[in-house]
């Protein structure tokens, strides 16, 4: 479960962050094949895992883990 007030949606060219009304509030130039919640935001997985955290009104990449 996440404490994030938003929903992340994987799209063909980016990851979209939407609010509970379905409005796009942020477009993140990260493309993934898998998405999951973590305690403070979202993790986007492709050839690596990027952790997005909600800070100062926007989501920022806070860490990257390269997959073998």
Protein backbone atom coordinates (compact mmCIF):
# COMPACT_ATOMS: atom_id res chain seq x y z
CA UNK A 1 0.00 0.00 0.00
CA UNK A 2 1.17 3.50 -0.73
CA UNK A 3 0.61 6.79 1.03
CA UNK A 4 0.52 8.50 -2.38
CA UNK A 5 -2.59 10.56 -3.17
CA UNK A 6 -2.37 9.57 -6.86
CA UNK A 7 -2.48 6.67 -9.31
CA UNK A 8 0.35 5.86 -11.73
CA UNK A 9 -0.53 4.54 -15.20
CA UNK A 10 1.94 3.04 -17.66
CA UNK A 11 1.55 4.40 -21.19
CA UNK A 12 3.46 3.71 -24.42
CA UNK A 13 5.73 6.75 -24.17
CA UNK A 14 5.68 7.76 -20.49
CA UNK A 15 4.21 7.11 -17.08
CA UNK A 16 1.20 9.24 -16.23
CA UNK A 17 0.27 10.31 -12.72
CA UNK A 18 -3.44 10.93 -12.35
CA UNK A 19 -5.63 12.11 -9.51
CA UNK A 20 -8.82 10.50 -8.23
CA UNK A 21 -10.87 12.40 -10.85
CA UNK A 22 -8.81 10.96 -13.71
CA UNK A 23 -6.98 14.20 -14.54
CA UNK A 24 -3.33 13.93 -15.56
CA UNK A 25 -1.25 15.87 -13.04
CA UNK A 26 2.24 14.81 -14.14
CA UNK A 27 3.89 13.07 -17.08
CA UNK A 28 7.10 11.22 -16.22
CA UNK A 29 9.40 10.38 -19.12
CA UNK A 30 9.93 6.83 -17.83
CA UNK A 31 8.56 3.85 -19.75
CA UNK A 32 8.08 0.61 -17.90
CA UNK A 33 6.71 -2.87 -18.33
CA UNK A 34 5.71 -3.25 -14.69
CA UNK A 35 4.53 -0.88 -12.01
CA UNK A 36 4.00 -1.31 -8.30
CA UNK A 37 3.32 0.77 -5.22
CA UNK A 38 5.86 1.16 -2.48
CA UNK A 39 5.46 2.87 0.87
CA UNK A 40 6.27 6.38 -0.39
CA UNK A 41 5.31 6.33 -4.06
CA UNK A 42 5.76 4.04 -7.06
CA UNK A 43 8.37 1.73 -8.57
CA UNK A 44 8.63 1.50 -12.37
CA UNK A 45 10.38 -1.58 -13.76
CA UNK A 46 11.93 -2.09 -17.17
CA UNK A 47 15.61 -2.95 -17.59
CA UNK A 48 16.05 -1.38 -14.16
CA UNK A 49 13.83 -0.36 -11.27
CA UNK A 50 13.24 3.35 -10.60
CA UNK A 51 11.66 4.52 -7.37
CA UNK A 52 9.45 7.61 -7.58
CA UNK A 53 8.68 9.58 -4.44
CA UNK A 54 6.15 12.40 -4.03
CA UNK A 55 8.04 15.48 -2.82
CA UNK A 56 7.21 19.17 -3.03
CA UNK A 57 4.12 18.55 -5.14
CA UNK A 58 5.73 16.36 -7.83
CA UNK A 59 7.10 12.84 -8.23
CA UNK A 60 10.88 12.58 -8.42
CA UNK A 61 13.16 9.62 -9.14
CA UNK A 62 14.75 8.87 -5.78
CA UNK A 63 16.70 5.77 -6.65
CA UNK A 64 17.57 3.33 -9.40
CA UNK A 65 18.36 -0.36 -9.08
CA UNK A 66 19.92 -2.05 -12.13
CA UNK A 67 18.70 -5.57 -12.82
CA UNK A 68 21.26 -8.25 -13.71
